Amino acid sequence: ICTVGGSSGYVLPLHIGCQYQVSYEILRRLLRTFAEAAHQTRRGPELPAPHANPAANNANHNPNARVEPPQPLTHIQEAYALDIFEEGREDLLVALQESASDARIQSALDDFNRRSDLLFV
């Protein structure tokens, strides 16, 4: 299963794990199962952007509702697993600095760097 892309686009389990900041052990197992995933980019399908007008979403329930024209398409940003993982670094730093001791901050950063190093192949 670790070698199969998603049903639309191309999102591997490693990409998902990086997005959700999984543990070192899970990342290690994903890489052991399919190391090539670290060298493949996440790609997603283009999807319609959400409507700004709530009435457009309910047009089929209210025939008098004004329907907005279709919005531009959005897409999942193409990125490698390491880039996806590193997107979480700033969020981690902000969360830690608001509520953690210096020792806890250093421990969390060491763990983050260890996982990042694993992906840097």
C-alpha atoms as a PDB file:
ATOM      1  CA  ILE A   1       0.000   0.000   0.000  1.00  0.00           C
ATOM      2  CA  CYS A   2       2.931   2.383   0.606  1.00  0.00           C
ATOM      3  CA  THR A   3       3.700   2.416  -3.120  1.00  0.00           C
ATOM      4  CA  VAL A   4       0.235   3.339  -4.381  1.00  0.00           C
ATOM      5  CA  GLY A   5      -0.831   6.928  -5.036  1.00  0.00           C
ATOM      6  CA  GLY A   6      -4.237   8.268  -4.034  1.00  0.00           C
ATOM      7  CA  SER A   7      -7.415   7.817  -6.053  1.00  0.00           C
ATOM      8  CA  SER A   8      -7.037  11.323  -7.446  1.00  0.00           C
ATOM      9  CA  GLY A   9      -3.697  13.013  -7.826  1.00  0.00           C
ATOM     10  CA  TYR A  10      -0.639  11.396  -6.332  1.00  0.00           C
ATOM     11  CA  VAL A  11      -0.355  11.441  -2.567  1.00  0.00           C
ATOM     12  CA  LEU A  12       1.690   8.659  -1.023  1.00  0.00           C
ATOM     13  CA  PRO A  13       1.431   7.486   2.598  1.00  0.00           C
ATOM     14  CA  LEU A  14       4.782   9.173   3.284  1.00  0.00           C
ATOM     15  CA  HIS A  15       3.353  12.504   2.094  1.00  0.00           C
ATOM     16  CA  ILE A  16       0.378  12.068   4.426  1.00  0.00           C
ATOM     17  CA  GLY A  17       2.625  11.119   7.330  1.00  0.00           C
ATOM     18  CA  CYS A  18       4.739  14.226   6.780  1.00  0.00           C
ATOM     19  CA  GLN A  19       1.673  16.432   6.587  1.00  0.00           C
ATOM     20  CA  TYR A  20       0.434  15.098   9.924  1.00  0.00           C
ATOM     21  CA  GLN A  21       3.883  15.153  11.578  1.00  0.00           C
ATOM     22  CA  VAL A  22       3.878  11.462  12.534  1.00  0.00           C
ATOM     23  CA  SER A  23       6.490   9.940  14.817  1.00  0.00           C
ATOM     24  CA  TYR A  24      10.043   9.034  13.869  1.00  0.00           C
ATOM     25  CA  GLU A  25       9.216   5.330  13.983  1.00  0.00           C
ATOM     26  CA  ILE A  26       6.298   5.644  11.571  1.00  0.00           C
ATOM     27  CA  LEU A  27       8.352   7.745   9.140  1.00  0.00           C
ATOM     28  CA  ARG A  28      11.165   5.195   9.359  1.00  0.00           C
ATOM     29  CA  ARG A  29       8.781   2.329   8.569  1.00  0.00           C
ATOM     30  CA  LEU A  30       7.232   4.187   5.654  1.00  0.00           C
ATOM     31  CA  LEU A  31      10.688   4.880   4.219  1.00  0.00           C
ATOM     32  CA  ARG A  32      11.824   1.301   4.802  1.00  0.00           C
ATOM     33  CA  THR A  33       8.757   0.043   2.942  1.00  0.00           C
ATOM     34  CA  PHE A  34       9.084   2.453   0.005  1.00  0.00           C
ATOM     35  CA  ALA A  35      12.216   4.622   0.155  1.00  0.00           C
ATOM     36  CA  GLU A  36      11.579   5.999  -3.342  1.00  0.00           C
ATOM     37  CA  ALA A  37       8.618   7.970  -1.917  1.00  0.00           C
ATOM     38  CA  ALA A  38      11.086  10.520  -0.524  1.00  0.00           C
ATOM     39  CA  HIS A  39      12.080  11.350  -4.111  1.00  0.00           C
ATOM     40  CA  GLN A  40       8.545  11.632  -5.482  1.00  0.00           C
ATOM     41  CA  THR A  41       6.452  14.768  -5.262  1.00  0.00           C
ATOM     42  CA  ARG A  42       2.938  15.013  -3.943  1.00  0.00           C
ATOM     43  CA  ARG A  43       0.563  16.070  -6.685  1.00  0.00           C
ATOM     44  CA  GLY A  44      -3.127  16.658  -6.346  1.00  0.00           C
ATOM     45  CA  PRO A  45      -6.106  17.142  -8.591  1.00  0.00           C
ATOM     46  CA  GLU A  46      -7.496  20.576  -9.270  1.00  0.00           C
ATOM     47  CA  LEU A  47     -10.641  21.185  -7.253  1.00  0.00           C
ATOM     48  CA  PRO A  48     -13.197  23.992  -7.411  1.00  0.00           C
ATOM     49  CA  ALA A  49     -12.575  26.644  -4.774  1.00  0.00           C
ATOM     50  CA  PRO A  50     -15.302  26.936  -2.113  1.00  0.00           C
ATOM     51  CA  HIS A  51     -18.099  29.354  -2.972  1.00  0.00           C
ATOM     52  CA  ALA A  52     -18.042  32.694  -1.173  1.00  0.00           C
ATOM     53  CA  ASN A  53     -21.829  32.926  -1.514  1.00  0.00           C
ATOM     54  CA  PRO A  54     -23.648  30.405   0.742  1.00  0.00           C
ATOM     55  CA  ALA A  55     -26.769  30.760  -1.431  1.00  0.00           C
ATOM     56  CA  ALA A  56     -24.842  29.201  -4.330  1.00  0.00           C
ATOM     57  CA  ASN A  57     -24.382  26.023  -2.321  1.00  0.00           C
ATOM     58  CA  ASN A  58     -28.121  25.861  -1.609  1.00  0.00           C
ATOM     59  CA  ALA A  59     -29.398  26.798  -5.085  1.00  0.00           C
ATOM     60  CA  ASN A  60     -30.975  23.384  -5.575  1.00  0.00           C
ATOM     61  CA  HIS A  61     -33.047  23.947  -2.395  1.00  0.00           C
ATOM     62  CA  ASN A  62     -34.130  27.487  -3.296  1.00  0.00           C
ATOM     63  CA  PRO A  63     -34.932  28.054  -6.960  1.00  0.00           C
ATOM     64  CA  ASN A  64     -34.875  31.845  -6.433  1.00  0.00           C
ATOM     65  CA  ALA A  65     -31.353  31.863  -4.990  1.00  0.00           C
ATOM     66  CA  ARG A  66     -28.718  33.730  -6.970  1.00  0.00           C
ATOM     67  CA  VAL A  67     -26.052  31.335  -8.222  1.00  0.00           C
ATOM     68  CA  GLU A  68     -22.495  32.642  -8.387  1.00  0.00           C
ATOM     69  CA  PRO A  69     -20.312  31.708 -11.365  1.00  0.00           C
ATOM     70  CA  PRO A  70     -17.808  28.897 -10.776  1.00  0.00           C
ATOM     71  CA  GLN A  71     -14.715  29.924  -8.821  1.00  0.00           C
ATOM     72  CA  PRO A  72     -11.169  29.419 -10.100  1.00  0.00           C
ATOM     73  CA  LEU A  73      -9.636  26.014  -9.571  1.00  0.00           C
ATOM     74  CA  THR A  74      -7.283  25.369  -6.670  1.00  0.00           C
ATOM     75  CA  HIS A  75      -4.793  22.555  -6.354  1.00  0.00           C
ATOM     76  CA  ILE A  76      -2.600  20.770  -3.867  1.00  0.00           C
ATOM     77  CA  GLN A  77       0.876  22.248  -3.972  1.00  0.00           C
ATOM     78  CA  GLU A  78       3.421  19.900  -5.496  1.00  0.00           C
ATOM     79  CA  ALA A  79       6.092  19.132  -2.897  1.00  0.00           C
ATOM     80  CA  TYR A  80       8.560  16.512  -1.705  1.00  0.00           C
ATOM     81  CA  ALA A  81       8.026  14.738   1.624  1.00  0.00           C
ATOM     82  CA  LEU A  82      10.766  16.767   3.338  1.00  0.00           C
ATOM     83  CA  ASP A  83       9.201  20.047   2.194  1.00  0.00           C
ATOM     84  CA  ILE A  84       5.784  18.919   3.422  1.00  0.00           C
ATOM     85  CA  PHE A  85       7.274  17.958   6.791  1.00  0.00           C
ATOM     86  CA  GLU A  86       9.212  21.216   7.153  1.00  0.00           C
ATOM     87  CA  GLU A  87       5.999  23.222   6.696  1.00  0.00           C
ATOM     88  CA  GLY A  88       5.227  22.252  10.297  1.00  0.00           C
ATOM     89  CA  ARG A  89       8.427  23.685  11.808  1.00  0.00           C
ATOM     90  CA  GLU A  90       7.128  27.238  12.257  1.00  0.00           C
ATOM     91  CA  ASP A  91       3.842  26.046  13.761  1.00  0.00           C
ATOM     92  CA  LEU A  92       5.780  23.902  16.220  1.00  0.00           C
ATOM     93  CA  LEU A  93       7.993  26.797  17.257  1.00  0.00           C
ATOM     94  CA  VAL A  94       5.033  29.110  17.830  1.00  0.00           C
ATOM     95  CA  ALA A  95       3.151  26.501  19.864  1.00  0.00           C
ATOM     96  CA  LEU A  96       6.194  25.667  21.990  1.00  0.00           C
ATOM     97  CA  GLN A  97       7.191  29.236  22.730  1.00  0.00           C
ATOM     98  CA  GLU A  98       3.715  30.028  23.993  1.00  0.00           C
ATOM     99  CA  SER A  99       3.565  27.262  26.568  1.00  0.00           C
ATOM    100  CA  ALA A 100       6.792  25.315  27.045  1.00  0.00           C
ATOM    101  CA  SER A 101       9.969  25.472  29.106  1.00  0.00           C
ATOM    102  CA  ASP A 102      13.385  25.822  27.468  1.00  0.00           C
ATOM    103  CA  ALA A 103      14.117  22.131  28.067  1.00  0.00           C
ATOM    104  CA  ARG A 104      10.803  21.092  26.481  1.00  0.00           C
ATOM    105  CA  ILE A 105      11.427  23.360  23.490  1.00  0.00           C
ATOM    106  CA  GLN A 106      14.888  21.871  22.952  1.00  0.00           C
ATOM    107  CA  SER A 107      13.578  18.313  23.265  1.00  0.00           C
ATOM    108  CA  ALA A 108      10.794  18.948  20.745  1.00  0.00           C
ATOM    109  CA  LEU A 109      13.223  20.610  18.317  1.00  0.00           C
ATOM    110  CA  ASP A 110      15.650  17.700  18.640  1.00  0.00           C
ATOM    111  CA  ASP A 111      12.823  15.288  17.837  1.00  0.00           C
ATOM    112  CA  PHE A 112      11.683  17.410  14.891  1.00  0.00           C
ATOM    113  CA  ASN A 113      15.247  17.630  13.523  1.00  0.00           C
ATOM    114  CA  ARG A 114      15.737  13.877  13.898  1.00  0.00           C
ATOM    115  CA  ARG A 115      12.616  13.218  11.815  1.00  0.00           C
ATOM    116  CA  SER A 116      13.644  15.871   9.286  1.00  0.00           C
ATOM    117  CA  ASP A 117      17.106  14.291   8.972  1.00  0.00           C
ATOM    118  CA  LEU A 118      15.482  10.933   8.279  1.00  0.00           C
ATOM    119  CA  LEU A 119      13.674  12.446   5.296  1.00  0.00           C
ATOM    120  CA  PHE A 120      16.777  14.244   4.023  1.00  0.00           C
ATOM    121  CA  VAL A 121      18.078  11.424   1.835  1.00  0.00           C
END
